[in-house]
Amino acid sequence: MAGTDGGLDELIERVKAGDEKALADLFSSFRERLWRIVRFRLDPRLQRRVDADDILQEAYLNAAQRLKHFGGDSATSAFIWFRLIVGQTLVDVHRRHLGAQARDAGREVPIHGFGDAQATTTSIAGFLVADLTSPSQAAMRREAVEQVEEALDRMDPIDREVLALRHFEEMTNAETAEALGIQQKAASIRYVRALGRLRAILSKLADFGGESDGGA
């Protein structure tokens, strides 16, 4: 695995020349980050049925099939290219396992721009509520998710996607800007604004959880 920018640059040049071994090494260097994306974007109904590592393996095979279309000129653009393929793979996984329900549930994974706004809302809400409630509190979880989704839906769609990429997918500001096709300064401003909204949502959710516990 390449651990330096220089090493990544060398791998990228080899991948551009059609080196499959270099593609495997480059994918491996991003694997942990891509795994987090899969966990974040995977439909909650599939969390126990589909293994994130299996999805990544499928994504790598898809990347290998598209080797001649590799478009990375830097570590940032290479990562965005892999993320695109992981996103497309996730769409395929959702359709295979959920059929028509995949689209009905709004789980199309954002690929270009801010993509499917409902998918991002659902992913963020699921992560936030999972951290603050236990699986046994089913009724409380449903109500909490509804409240969080309602609050997220009031955010600007691009702000919400910037929040997802920066805070939950842990992408850099440069990566976020490239993925969304906006300027880095704009991405930074939107992230600060979105974090403020997130803090307000978390504050209300914490109050909600405390009231529910107190009434149990």
N, C-alpha and C. Protein backbone atom coordinates (compact mmCIF):
# COMPACT_ATOMS: atom_id res chain seq x y z
N MET A 1 0.84 -1.20 0.00
CA MET A 1 0.00 0.00 0.00
C MET A 1 0.87 1.24 0.00
N ALA A 2 0.48 2.19 -0.83
CA ALA A 2 1.24 3.44 -0.87
C ALA A 2 0.84 4.30 0.30
N GLY A 3 1.83 4.87 0.98
CA GLY A 3 1.51 5.65 2.16
C GLY A 3 1.84 7.11 2.00
N THR A 4 2.42 7.52 0.90
CA THR A 4 2.77 8.91 0.70
C THR A 4 2.16 9.41 -0.58
N ASP A 5 2.08 10.74 -0.69
CA ASP A 5 1.53 11.33 -1.90
C ASP A 5 2.36 10.91 -3.11
N GLY A 6 3.70 10.85 -2.92
CA GLY A 6 4.55 10.44 -4.02
C GLY A 6 4.24 9.02 -4.46
N GLY A 7 4.01 8.14 -3.46
CA GLY A 7 3.66 6.76 -3.78
C GLY A 7 2.34 6.67 -4.50
N LEU A 8 1.38 7.47 -4.07
CA LEU A 8 0.07 7.49 -4.72
C LEU A 8 0.19 8.01 -6.15
N ASP A 9 1.00 9.03 -6.33
CA ASP A 9 1.19 9.58 -7.67
C ASP A 9 1.75 8.53 -8.62
N GLU A 10 2.70 7.74 -8.10
CA GLU A 10 3.30 6.69 -8.93
C GLU A 10 2.25 5.63 -9.28
N LEU A 11 1.43 5.25 -8.28
CA LEU A 11 0.38 4.27 -8.53
C LEU A 11 -0.61 4.79 -9.57
N ILE A 12 -0.96 6.05 -9.46
CA ILE A 12 -1.92 6.65 -10.39
C ILE A 12 -1.39 6.60 -11.81
N GLU A 13 -0.11 6.91 -11.99
CA GLU A 13 0.48 6.86 -13.33
C GLU A 13 0.48 5.43 -13.87
N ARG A 14 0.74 4.47 -13.01
CA ARG A 14 0.73 3.08 -13.45
C ARG A 14 -0.69 2.61 -13.80
N VAL A 15 -1.66 3.06 -13.01
CA VAL A 15 -3.05 2.71 -13.31
C VAL A 15 -3.46 3.31 -14.65
N LYS A 16 -3.07 4.55 -14.89
CA LYS A 16 -3.40 5.20 -16.16
C LYS A 16 -2.78 4.45 -17.34
N ALA A 17 -1.68 3.73 -17.07
CA ALA A 17 -1.02 2.94 -18.11
C ALA A 17 -1.62 1.54 -18.24
N GLY A 18 -2.65 1.25 -17.40
CA GLY A 18 -3.33 -0.03 -17.51
C GLY A 18 -2.82 -1.12 -16.60
N ASP A 19 -2.07 -0.77 -15.54
CA ASP A 19 -1.49 -1.74 -14.62
C ASP A 19 -2.54 -2.18 -13.60
N GLU A 20 -3.00 -3.43 -13.70
CA GLU A 20 -4.03 -3.94 -12.80
C GLU A 20 -3.53 -4.10 -11.37
N LYS A 21 -2.27 -4.46 -11.21
CA LYS A 21 -1.70 -4.58 -9.85
C LYS A 21 -1.70 -3.21 -9.17
N ALA A 22 -1.36 -2.18 -9.91
CA ALA A 22 -1.38 -0.84 -9.35
C ALA A 22 -2.80 -0.43 -8.98
N LEU A 23 -3.78 -0.84 -9.79
CA LEU A 23 -5.18 -0.54 -9.47
C LEU A 23 -5.57 -1.17 -8.14
N ALA A 24 -5.16 -2.42 -7.93
CA ALA A 24 -5.46 -3.11 -6.67
C ALA A 24 -4.81 -2.39 -5.49
N ASP A 25 -3.57 -1.97 -5.66
CA ASP A 25 -2.86 -1.27 -4.58
C ASP A 25 -3.50 0.09 -4.30
N LEU A 26 -3.91 0.78 -5.36
CA LEU A 26 -4.53 2.09 -5.18
C LEU A 26 -5.87 1.95 -4.48
N PHE A 27 -6.65 0.97 -4.89
CA PHE A 27 -7.94 0.71 -4.23
C PHE A 27 -7.73 0.38 -2.76
N SER A 28 -6.72 -0.42 -2.48
CA SER A 28 -6.41 -0.80 -1.10
C SER A 28 -6.07 0.42 -0.25
N SER A 29 -5.39 1.40 -0.85
CA SER A 29 -5.00 2.60 -0.09
C SER A 29 -6.22 3.42 0.33
N PHE A 30 -7.32 3.25 -0.40
CA PHE A 30 -8.55 3.99 -0.08
C PHE A 30 -9.59 3.11 0.59
N ARG A 31 -9.28 1.85 0.81
CA ARG A 31 -10.29 0.88 1.23
C ARG A 31 -11.01 1.27 2.51
N GLU A 32 -10.28 1.70 3.53
CA GLU A 32 -10.92 2.04 4.81
C GLU A 32 -11.92 3.17 4.63
N ARG A 33 -11.56 4.16 3.84
CA ARG A 33 -12.46 5.29 3.62
C ARG A 33 -13.68 4.86 2.81
N LEU A 34 -13.47 4.02 1.82
CA LEU A 34 -14.59 3.54 1.00
C LEU A 34 -15.52 2.66 1.83
N TRP A 35 -14.95 1.92 2.78
CA TRP A 35 -15.75 1.09 3.68
C TRP A 35 -16.69 1.96 4.51
N ARG A 36 -16.19 3.09 5.00
CA ARG A 36 -17.04 3.99 5.79
C ARG A 36 -18.20 4.51 4.94
N ILE A 37 -17.93 4.78 3.66
CA ILE A 37 -18.99 5.27 2.78
C ILE A 37 -20.07 4.21 2.62
N VAL A 38 -19.65 2.95 2.43
CA VAL A 38 -20.62 1.86 2.29
C VAL A 38 -21.48 1.75 3.54
N ARG A 39 -20.85 1.79 4.70
CA ARG A 39 -21.60 1.68 5.96
C ARG A 39 -22.57 2.84 6.12
N PHE A 40 -22.17 4.01 5.68
CA PHE A 40 -23.03 5.18 5.82
C PHE A 40 -24.21 5.14 4.84
N ARG A 41 -23.95 4.72 3.61
CA ARG A 41 -24.97 4.78 2.55
C ARG A 41 -25.83 3.53 2.45
N LEU A 42 -25.42 2.42 3.07
CA LEU A 42 -26.16 1.17 2.93
C LEU A 42 -27.51 1.26 3.63
N ASP A 43 -28.56 0.83 2.93
CA ASP A 43 -29.90 0.84 3.50
C ASP A 43 -29.92 0.08 4.83
N PRO A 44 -30.52 0.67 5.88
CA PRO A 44 -30.56 0.00 7.18
C PRO A 44 -31.16 -1.40 7.13
N ARG A 45 -32.07 -1.63 6.18
CA ARG A 45 -32.69 -2.96 6.06
C ARG A 45 -31.69 -4.02 5.61
N LEU A 46 -30.57 -3.58 5.07
CA LEU A 46 -29.57 -4.52 4.56
C LEU A 46 -28.35 -4.65 5.45
N GLN A 47 -28.31 -3.87 6.54
CA GLN A 47 -27.11 -3.83 7.38
C GLN A 47 -26.71 -5.21 7.88
N ARG A 48 -27.67 -6.07 8.19
CA ARG A 48 -27.36 -7.39 8.74
C ARG A 48 -27.36 -8.47 7.66
N ARG A 49 -27.78 -8.12 6.46
CA ARG A 49 -27.89 -9.11 5.39
C ARG A 49 -26.75 -9.02 4.39
N VAL A 50 -26.15 -7.85 4.27
CA VAL A 50 -25.12 -7.62 3.26
C VAL A 50 -23.85 -7.14 3.95
N ASP A 51 -22.74 -7.77 3.63
CA ASP A 51 -21.46 -7.41 4.24
C ASP A 51 -20.79 -6.29 3.45
N ALA A 52 -20.32 -5.27 4.15
CA ALA A 52 -19.69 -4.13 3.48
C ALA A 52 -18.45 -4.56 2.71
N ASP A 53 -17.72 -5.54 3.23
CA ASP A 53 -16.52 -6.02 2.53
C ASP A 53 -16.87 -6.67 1.20
N ASP A 54 -18.00 -7.38 1.17
CA ASP A 54 -18.45 -8.00 -0.09
C ASP A 54 -18.80 -6.93 -1.12
N ILE A 55 -19.42 -5.84 -0.66
CA ILE A 55 -19.76 -4.75 -1.57
C ILE A 55 -18.49 -4.12 -2.12
N LEU A 56 -17.49 -3.94 -1.26
CA LEU A 56 -16.23 -3.37 -1.73
C LEU A 56 -15.54 -4.29 -2.73
N GLN A 57 -15.62 -5.59 -2.51
CA GLN A 57 -15.02 -6.53 -3.46
C GLN A 57 -15.71 -6.42 -4.82
N GLU A 58 -17.03 -6.31 -4.79
CA GLU A 58 -17.78 -6.14 -6.04
C GLU A 58 -17.41 -4.82 -6.71
N ALA A 59 -17.25 -3.78 -5.89
CA ALA A 59 -16.88 -2.47 -6.44
C ALA A 59 -15.50 -2.53 -7.09
N TYR A 60 -14.57 -3.24 -6.45
CA TYR A 60 -13.23 -3.35 -7.04
C TYR A 60 -13.29 -4.07 -8.39
N LEU A 61 -14.06 -5.14 -8.47
CA LEU A 61 -14.19 -5.86 -9.74
C LEU A 61 -14.80 -4.95 -10.81
N ASN A 62 -15.75 -4.12 -10.40
CA ASN A 62 -16.33 -3.16 -11.34
C ASN A 62 -15.29 -2.14 -11.80
N ALA A 63 -14.43 -1.72 -10.85
CA ALA A 63 -13.37 -0.78 -11.20
C ALA A 63 -12.38 -1.41 -12.17
N ALA A 64 -12.06 -2.68 -11.94
CA ALA A 64 -11.12 -3.37 -12.81
C ALA A 64 -11.66 -3.47 -14.24
N GLN A 65 -12.98 -3.65 -14.34
CA GLN A 65 -13.59 -3.73 -15.67
C GLN A 65 -13.56 -2.39 -16.39
N ARG A 66 -13.44 -1.31 -15.62
CA ARG A 66 -13.43 0.03 -16.19
C ARG A 66 -12.03 0.65 -16.17
N LEU A 67 -11.03 -0.19 -16.03
CA LEU A 67 -9.66 0.31 -15.88
C LEU A 67 -9.28 1.29 -16.99
N LYS A 68 -9.67 1.00 -18.22
CA LYS A 68 -9.29 1.88 -19.33
C LYS A 68 -9.99 3.23 -19.26
N HIS A 69 -11.01 3.34 -18.39
CA HIS A 69 -11.72 4.60 -18.24
C HIS A 69 -11.29 5.35 -16.98
N PHE A 70 -10.23 4.87 -16.33
CA PHE A 70 -9.75 5.52 -15.11
C PHE A 70 -9.46 6.99 -15.39
N GLY A 71 -10.03 7.88 -14.54
CA GLY A 71 -9.89 9.30 -14.80
C GLY A 71 -9.13 10.07 -13.74
N GLY A 72 -8.36 9.38 -12.90
CA GLY A 72 -7.65 10.07 -11.83
C GLY A 72 -6.36 10.72 -12.27
N ASP A 73 -6.21 12.00 -11.96
CA ASP A 73 -4.95 12.71 -12.22
C ASP A 73 -4.25 13.10 -10.92
N SER A 74 -4.92 12.85 -9.80
CA SER A 74 -4.37 13.18 -8.48
C SER A 74 -5.01 12.22 -7.47
N ALA A 75 -4.50 12.24 -6.25
CA ALA A 75 -5.07 11.39 -5.21
C ALA A 75 -6.54 11.73 -4.99
N THR A 76 -6.86 13.02 -5.04
CA THR A 76 -8.25 13.44 -4.84
C THR A 76 -9.16 12.92 -5.93
N SER A 77 -8.78 13.12 -7.18
CA SER A 77 -9.63 12.69 -8.28
C SER A 77 -9.70 11.17 -8.37
N ALA A 78 -8.61 10.47 -8.00
CA ALA A 78 -8.63 9.02 -7.99
C ALA A 78 -9.62 8.50 -6.95
N PHE A 79 -9.61 9.11 -5.77
CA PHE A 79 -10.55 8.71 -4.73
C PHE A 79 -11.98 8.96 -5.18
N ILE A 80 -12.24 10.11 -5.80
CA ILE A 80 -13.59 10.43 -6.27
C ILE A 80 -14.03 9.41 -7.31
N TRP A 81 -13.11 8.96 -8.17
CA TRP A 81 -13.43 7.95 -9.18
C TRP A 81 -13.85 6.64 -8.52
N PHE A 82 -13.10 6.20 -7.51
CA PHE A 82 -13.47 4.98 -6.80
C PHE A 82 -14.79 5.16 -6.06
N ARG A 83 -14.99 6.33 -5.47
CA ARG A 83 -16.24 6.59 -4.75
C ARG A 83 -17.43 6.50 -5.70
N LEU A 84 -17.27 7.01 -6.90
CA LEU A 84 -18.32 6.93 -7.91
C LEU A 84 -18.69 5.48 -8.18
N ILE A 85 -17.68 4.62 -8.34
CA ILE A 85 -17.95 3.22 -8.63
C ILE A 85 -18.57 2.52 -7.43
N VAL A 86 -18.11 2.85 -6.23
CA VAL A 86 -18.72 2.29 -5.03
C VAL A 86 -20.19 2.71 -4.96
N GLY A 87 -20.49 3.96 -5.28
CA GLY A 87 -21.86 4.44 -5.26
C GLY A 87 -22.73 3.69 -6.26
N GLN A 88 -22.22 3.48 -7.45
CA GLN A 88 -22.97 2.75 -8.47
C GLN A 88 -23.18 1.30 -8.06
N THR A 89 -22.18 0.71 -7.41
CA THR A 89 -22.29 -0.65 -6.91
C THR A 89 -23.37 -0.75 -5.84
N LEU A 90 -23.41 0.24 -4.96
CA LEU A 90 -24.44 0.27 -3.92
C LEU A 90 -25.84 0.34 -4.51
N VAL A 91 -26.00 1.15 -5.55
CA VAL A 91 -27.30 1.22 -6.22
C VAL A 91 -27.71 -0.16 -6.71
N ASP A 92 -26.76 -0.87 -7.33
CA ASP A 92 -27.04 -2.22 -7.84
C ASP A 92 -27.40 -3.17 -6.69
N VAL A 93 -26.68 -3.08 -5.57
CA VAL A 93 -26.96 -3.94 -4.42
C VAL A 93 -28.35 -3.68 -3.87
N HIS A 94 -28.71 -2.40 -3.75
CA HIS A 94 -30.04 -2.06 -3.25
C HIS A 94 -31.12 -2.61 -4.16
N ARG A 95 -30.93 -2.49 -5.45
CA ARG A 95 -31.93 -2.98 -6.39
C ARG A 95 -32.06 -4.50 -6.35
N ARG A 96 -30.93 -5.20 -6.22
CA ARG A 96 -30.95 -6.66 -6.17
C ARG A 96 -31.69 -7.17 -4.94
N HIS A 97 -31.45 -6.53 -3.80
CA HIS A 97 -32.01 -7.03 -2.54
C HIS A 97 -33.38 -6.44 -2.21
N LEU A 98 -33.65 -5.24 -2.68
CA LEU A 98 -34.90 -4.58 -2.32
C LEU A 98 -35.87 -4.44 -3.49
N GLY A 99 -35.39 -4.68 -4.70
CA GLY A 99 -36.25 -4.58 -5.87
C GLY A 99 -36.84 -3.19 -6.03
N ALA A 100 -38.14 -3.14 -6.28
CA ALA A 100 -38.82 -1.86 -6.50
C ALA A 100 -38.77 -0.99 -5.25
N GLN A 101 -38.64 -1.62 -4.07
CA GLN A 101 -38.60 -0.86 -2.82
C GLN A 101 -37.38 0.06 -2.74
N ALA A 102 -36.33 -0.27 -3.48
CA ALA A 102 -35.11 0.53 -3.41
C ALA A 102 -35.39 1.95 -3.85
N ARG A 103 -36.09 2.12 -4.98
CA ARG A 103 -36.40 3.47 -5.44
C ARG A 103 -37.48 4.11 -4.56
N ASP A 104 -38.48 3.30 -4.17
CA ASP A 104 -39.56 3.84 -3.36
C ASP A 104 -39.04 4.37 -2.03
N ALA A 105 -37.99 3.73 -1.51
CA ALA A 105 -37.44 4.14 -0.22
C ALA A 105 -36.49 5.32 -0.34
N GLY A 106 -36.28 5.79 -1.57
CA GLY A 106 -35.40 6.94 -1.75
C GLY A 106 -33.95 6.64 -1.48
N ARG A 107 -33.50 5.41 -1.81
CA ARG A 107 -32.15 5.02 -1.45
C ARG A 107 -31.17 5.09 -2.61
N GLU A 108 -31.50 5.82 -3.67
CA GLU A 108 -30.52 6.00 -4.73
C GLU A 108 -29.33 6.75 -4.18
N VAL A 109 -28.15 6.19 -4.31
CA VAL A 109 -26.95 6.79 -3.72
C VAL A 109 -26.51 8.01 -4.52
N PRO A 110 -26.30 9.16 -3.86
CA PRO A 110 -25.82 10.33 -4.59
C PRO A 110 -24.48 10.04 -5.27
N ILE A 111 -24.39 10.37 -6.54
CA ILE A 111 -23.15 10.11 -7.28
C ILE A 111 -22.58 11.41 -7.82
N HIS A 112 -23.36 12.15 -8.59
CA HIS A 112 -22.93 13.45 -9.10
C HIS A 112 -23.70 14.53 -8.35
N GLY A 113 -23.03 15.65 -8.03
CA GLY A 113 -23.71 16.72 -7.32
C GLY A 113 -24.26 16.21 -6.00
N PHE A 114 -25.43 16.74 -5.60
CA PHE A 114 -25.99 16.27 -4.34
C PHE A 114 -26.98 15.14 -4.56
N GLY A 115 -27.16 14.73 -5.82
CA GLY A 115 -27.90 13.51 -6.13
C GLY A 115 -29.27 13.44 -5.49
N ASP A 116 -29.64 12.29 -4.97
CA ASP A 116 -30.93 12.05 -4.36
C ASP A 116 -30.92 12.60 -2.94
N ALA A 117 -31.64 13.70 -2.73
CA ALA A 117 -31.62 14.36 -1.43
C ALA A 117 -32.19 13.47 -0.33
N GLN A 118 -33.22 12.67 -0.65
CA GLN A 118 -33.84 11.83 0.37
C GLN A 118 -32.88 10.76 0.86
N ALA A 119 -32.03 10.24 -0.04
CA ALA A 119 -31.07 9.22 0.36
C ALA A 119 -30.11 9.77 1.42
N THR A 120 -29.64 11.00 1.21
CA THR A 120 -28.73 11.60 2.18
C THR A 120 -29.44 11.85 3.50
N THR A 121 -30.66 12.36 3.45
CA THR A 121 -31.44 12.61 4.66
C THR A 121 -31.60 11.33 5.46
N THR A 122 -31.98 10.24 4.78
CA THR A 122 -32.20 8.96 5.45
C THR A 122 -30.91 8.43 6.08
N SER A 123 -29.80 8.56 5.36
CA SER A 123 -28.52 8.07 5.88
C SER A 123 -28.10 8.84 7.13
N ILE A 124 -28.19 10.17 7.07
CA ILE A 124 -27.78 10.98 8.22
C ILE A 124 -28.68 10.69 9.42
N ALA A 125 -29.99 10.67 9.19
CA ALA A 125 -30.93 10.44 10.29
C ALA A 125 -30.69 9.08 10.92
N GLY A 126 -30.44 8.07 10.11
CA GLY A 126 -30.20 6.74 10.64
C GLY A 126 -28.98 6.69 11.54
N PHE A 127 -27.91 7.36 11.14
CA PHE A 127 -26.69 7.38 11.94
C PHE A 127 -26.89 8.15 13.24
N LEU A 128 -27.56 9.29 13.17
CA LEU A 128 -27.75 10.10 14.37
C LEU A 128 -28.62 9.39 15.39
N VAL A 129 -29.70 8.81 14.95
CA VAL A 129 -30.62 8.15 15.87
C VAL A 129 -30.01 6.87 16.41
N ALA A 130 -29.23 6.16 15.60
CA ALA A 130 -28.57 4.94 16.07
C ALA A 130 -27.63 5.23 17.23
N ASP A 131 -27.01 6.40 17.21
CA ASP A 131 -26.07 6.76 18.27
C ASP A 131 -26.76 7.15 19.57
N LEU A 132 -28.04 7.57 19.46
CA LEU A 132 -28.70 8.14 20.62
C LEU A 132 -29.86 7.30 21.16
N THR A 133 -30.18 6.21 20.50
CA THR A 133 -31.24 5.33 20.98
C THR A 133 -30.79 3.89 20.82
N SER A 134 -31.40 3.00 21.57
CA SER A 134 -31.06 1.58 21.47
C SER A 134 -32.04 0.89 20.52
N PRO A 135 -31.60 -0.21 19.88
CA PRO A 135 -32.48 -0.90 18.94
C PRO A 135 -33.80 -1.37 19.56
N SER A 136 -33.82 -1.60 20.88
CA SER A 136 -35.04 -2.09 21.53
C SER A 136 -36.11 -1.01 21.63
N GLN A 137 -35.71 0.24 21.50
CA GLN A 137 -36.67 1.35 21.62
C GLN A 137 -37.24 1.68 20.25
N ALA A 138 -37.96 0.72 19.66
CA ALA A 138 -38.41 0.83 18.28
C ALA A 138 -39.31 2.04 18.05
N ALA A 139 -40.31 2.22 18.91
CA ALA A 139 -41.25 3.32 18.73
C ALA A 139 -40.54 4.67 18.87
N MET A 140 -39.65 4.75 19.85
CA MET A 140 -38.89 5.97 20.07
C MET A 140 -37.99 6.25 18.87
N ARG A 141 -37.38 5.21 18.33
CA ARG A 141 -36.50 5.38 17.18
C ARG A 141 -37.27 5.92 15.98
N ARG A 142 -38.44 5.36 15.72
CA ARG A 142 -39.24 5.81 14.58
C ARG A 142 -39.60 7.28 14.71
N GLU A 143 -40.03 7.67 15.91
CA GLU A 143 -40.41 9.07 16.12
C GLU A 143 -39.19 9.98 16.01
N ALA A 144 -38.06 9.53 16.56
CA ALA A 144 -36.84 10.34 16.49
C ALA A 144 -36.38 10.51 15.05
N VAL A 145 -36.41 9.42 14.28
CA VAL A 145 -36.00 9.48 12.87
C VAL A 145 -36.88 10.47 12.11
N GLU A 146 -38.18 10.43 12.36
CA GLU A 146 -39.10 11.34 11.68
C GLU A 146 -38.76 12.79 12.01
N GLN A 147 -38.45 13.06 13.27
CA GLN A 147 -38.12 14.43 13.68
C GLN A 147 -36.81 14.89 13.04
N VAL A 148 -35.82 14.01 13.03
CA VAL A 148 -34.53 14.36 12.45
C VAL A 148 -34.65 14.57 10.95
N GLU A 149 -35.37 13.68 10.27
CA GLU A 149 -35.54 13.82 8.83
C GLU A 149 -36.27 15.12 8.49
N GLU A 150 -37.25 15.47 9.28
CA GLU A 150 -37.98 16.72 9.05
C GLU A 150 -37.05 17.92 9.19
N ALA A 151 -36.18 17.89 10.20
CA ALA A 151 -35.22 18.98 10.39
C ALA A 151 -34.21 19.03 9.26
N LEU A 152 -33.72 17.87 8.83
CA LEU A 152 -32.75 17.82 7.74
C LEU A 152 -33.36 18.28 6.42
N ASP A 153 -34.62 17.96 6.21
CA ASP A 153 -35.28 18.35 4.97
C ASP A 153 -35.42 19.86 4.84
N ARG A 154 -35.32 20.56 5.95
CA ARG A 154 -35.41 22.02 5.89
C ARG A 154 -34.07 22.66 5.52
N MET A 155 -33.01 21.86 5.49
CA MET A 155 -31.69 22.37 5.10
C MET A 155 -31.61 22.49 3.58
N ASP A 156 -30.74 23.37 3.12
CA ASP A 156 -30.45 23.45 1.70
C ASP A 156 -29.86 22.09 1.26
N PRO A 157 -30.34 21.53 0.13
CA PRO A 157 -29.88 20.20 -0.29
C PRO A 157 -28.36 20.10 -0.44
N ILE A 158 -27.72 21.14 -0.97
CA ILE A 158 -26.27 21.09 -1.13
C ILE A 158 -25.58 21.16 0.23
N ASP A 159 -26.10 21.99 1.13
CA ASP A 159 -25.55 22.04 2.49
C ASP A 159 -25.63 20.66 3.14
N ARG A 160 -26.75 20.01 2.95
CA ARG A 160 -26.96 18.68 3.54
C ARG A 160 -25.97 17.66 2.96
N GLU A 161 -25.72 17.76 1.65
CA GLU A 161 -24.78 16.83 1.04
C GLU A 161 -23.35 17.13 1.47
N VAL A 162 -23.00 18.41 1.60
CA VAL A 162 -21.68 18.78 2.11
C VAL A 162 -21.50 18.21 3.52
N LEU A 163 -22.53 18.31 4.33
CA LEU A 163 -22.47 17.76 5.69
C LEU A 163 -22.24 16.26 5.65
N ALA A 164 -22.94 15.57 4.76
CA ALA A 164 -22.77 14.11 4.65
C ALA A 164 -21.35 13.75 4.23
N LEU A 165 -20.83 14.45 3.24
CA LEU A 165 -19.50 14.13 2.73
C LEU A 165 -18.40 14.46 3.74
N ARG A 166 -18.49 15.64 4.35
CA ARG A 166 -17.44 16.07 5.27
C ARG A 166 -17.53 15.37 6.62
N HIS A 167 -18.73 15.31 7.19
CA HIS A 167 -18.88 14.86 8.57
C HIS A 167 -19.03 13.35 8.69
N PHE A 168 -19.76 12.74 7.75
CA PHE A 168 -20.05 11.31 7.87
C PHE A 168 -19.16 10.45 6.97
N GLU A 169 -18.86 10.92 5.75
CA GLU A 169 -17.93 10.18 4.90
C GLU A 169 -16.48 10.59 5.17
N GLU A 170 -16.29 11.66 5.95
CA GLU A 170 -14.98 12.14 6.36
C GLU A 170 -14.10 12.50 5.17
N MET A 171 -14.69 13.12 4.17
CA MET A 171 -13.94 13.60 3.02
C MET A 171 -13.33 14.95 3.32
N THR A 172 -12.25 15.29 2.63
CA THR A 172 -11.63 16.60 2.80
C THR A 172 -12.47 17.65 2.10
N ASN A 173 -12.16 18.91 2.38
CA ASN A 173 -12.88 19.98 1.72
C ASN A 173 -12.64 19.95 0.21
N ALA A 174 -11.39 19.66 -0.19
CA ALA A 174 -11.06 19.59 -1.62
C ALA A 174 -11.82 18.47 -2.31
N GLU A 175 -11.90 17.31 -1.66
CA GLU A 175 -12.63 16.18 -2.22
C GLU A 175 -14.11 16.49 -2.34
N THR A 176 -14.65 17.12 -1.30
CA THR A 176 -16.06 17.48 -1.31
C THR A 176 -16.38 18.44 -2.44
N ALA A 177 -15.53 19.44 -2.59
CA ALA A 177 -15.73 20.42 -3.66
C ALA A 177 -15.70 19.76 -5.03
N GLU A 178 -14.74 18.85 -5.23
CA GLU A 178 -14.63 18.17 -6.53
C GLU A 178 -15.83 17.27 -6.77
N ALA A 179 -16.26 16.55 -5.73
CA ALA A 179 -17.39 15.64 -5.88
C ALA A 179 -18.67 16.38 -6.22
N LEU A 180 -18.82 17.58 -5.68
CA LEU A 180 -20.04 18.34 -5.89
C LEU A 180 -19.93 19.36 -7.01
N GLY A 181 -18.72 19.54 -7.53
CA GLY A 181 -18.53 20.50 -8.61
C GLY A 181 -18.70 21.94 -8.17
N ILE A 182 -18.24 22.25 -6.95
CA ILE A 182 -18.31 23.63 -6.44
C ILE A 182 -16.92 24.07 -6.01
N GLN A 183 -16.76 25.36 -5.75
CA GLN A 183 -15.48 25.90 -5.30
C GLN A 183 -15.20 25.47 -3.86
N GLN A 184 -13.91 25.31 -3.54
CA GLN A 184 -13.55 24.89 -2.19
C GLN A 184 -14.03 25.90 -1.13
N LYS A 185 -13.94 27.18 -1.44
CA LYS A 185 -14.39 28.19 -0.48
C LYS A 185 -15.88 28.03 -0.21
N ALA A 186 -16.65 27.78 -1.26
CA ALA A 186 -18.09 27.60 -1.10
C ALA A 186 -18.39 26.34 -0.28
N ALA A 187 -17.62 25.28 -0.53
CA ALA A 187 -17.81 24.04 0.22
C ALA A 187 -17.52 24.27 1.70
N SER A 188 -16.48 25.04 2.00
CA SER A 188 -16.12 25.32 3.39
C SER A 188 -17.21 26.14 4.08
N ILE A 189 -17.71 27.14 3.41
CA ILE A 189 -18.76 27.99 3.99
C ILE A 189 -20.02 27.17 4.26
N ARG A 190 -20.36 26.34 3.29
CA ARG A 190 -21.56 25.51 3.44
C ARG A 190 -21.39 24.51 4.60
N TYR A 191 -20.19 23.99 4.78
CA TYR A 191 -19.96 23.02 5.85
C TYR A 191 -20.13 23.67 7.22
N VAL A 192 -19.58 24.85 7.38
CA VAL A 192 -19.73 25.56 8.67
C VAL A 192 -21.20 25.82 8.95
N ARG A 193 -21.93 26.25 7.93
CA ARG A 193 -23.36 26.52 8.09
C ARG A 193 -24.12 25.23 8.44
N ALA A 194 -23.78 24.15 7.75
CA ALA A 194 -24.47 22.89 7.98
C ALA A 194 -24.17 22.34 9.37
N LEU A 195 -22.93 22.53 9.86
CA LEU A 195 -22.59 22.06 11.20
C LEU A 195 -23.43 22.77 12.26
N GLY A 196 -23.70 24.06 12.03
CA GLY A 196 -24.55 24.79 12.96
C GLY A 196 -25.94 24.18 13.03
N ARG A 197 -26.48 23.81 11.87
CA ARG A 197 -27.80 23.18 11.83
C ARG A 197 -27.75 21.80 12.48
N LEU A 198 -26.64 21.08 12.27
CA LEU A 198 -26.51 19.75 12.85
C LEU A 198 -26.49 19.84 14.38
N ARG A 199 -25.77 20.81 14.91
CA ARG A 199 -25.72 20.96 16.38
C ARG A 199 -27.11 21.22 16.94
N ALA A 200 -27.90 22.02 16.24
CA ALA A 200 -29.26 22.30 16.70
C ALA A 200 -30.11 21.03 16.67
N ILE A 201 -29.93 20.23 15.62
CA ILE A 201 -30.68 18.97 15.51
C ILE A 201 -30.28 18.02 16.63
N LEU A 202 -28.97 17.92 16.90
CA LEU A 202 -28.49 17.02 17.95
C LEU A 202 -28.99 17.45 19.32
N SER A 203 -29.05 18.77 19.53
CA SER A 203 -29.54 19.28 20.81
C SER A 203 -31.00 18.87 21.03
N LYS A 204 -31.81 19.02 20.00
CA LYS A 204 -33.22 18.64 20.12
C LYS A 204 -33.37 17.14 20.27
N LEU A 205 -32.53 16.39 19.58
CA LEU A 205 -32.60 14.94 19.66
C LEU A 205 -32.20 14.45 21.05
N ALA A 206 -31.19 15.09 21.64
CA ALA A 206 -30.77 14.73 22.99
C ALA A 206 -31.89 15.00 23.98
N ASP A 207 -32.57 16.15 23.80
CA ASP A 207 -33.70 16.47 24.67
C ASP A 207 -34.82 15.45 24.50
N PHE A 208 -35.03 15.06 23.27
CA PHE A 208 -36.07 14.07 22.97
C PHE A 208 -35.76 12.75 23.66
N GLY A 209 -34.49 12.32 23.58
CA GLY A 209 -34.11 11.07 24.20
C GLY A 209 -34.25 11.12 25.71
N GLY A 210 -33.88 12.26 26.32
CA GLY A 210 -33.98 12.38 27.76
C GLY A 210 -35.41 12.34 28.24
N GLU A 211 -36.31 13.00 27.48
CA GLU A 211 -37.72 12.99 27.86
C GLU A 211 -38.31 11.61 27.76
N SER A 212 -37.89 10.87 26.69
CA SER A 212 -38.42 9.52 26.51
C SER A 212 -37.93 8.59 27.60
N ASP A 213 -36.64 8.72 27.98
CA ASP A 213 -36.10 7.87 29.04
C ASP A 213 -36.80 8.15 30.35
N GLY A 214 -37.07 9.44 30.57
CA GLY A 214 -37.69 9.83 31.84
C GLY A 214 -39.09 9.31 31.97
N GLY A 215 -39.75 9.13 30.81
CA GLY A 215 -41.13 8.69 30.88
C GLY A 215 -41.28 7.20 30.85
N ALA A 216 -40.14 6.49 30.75
CA ALA A 216 -40.22 5.02 30.64
C ALA A 216 -40.57 4.40 31.98
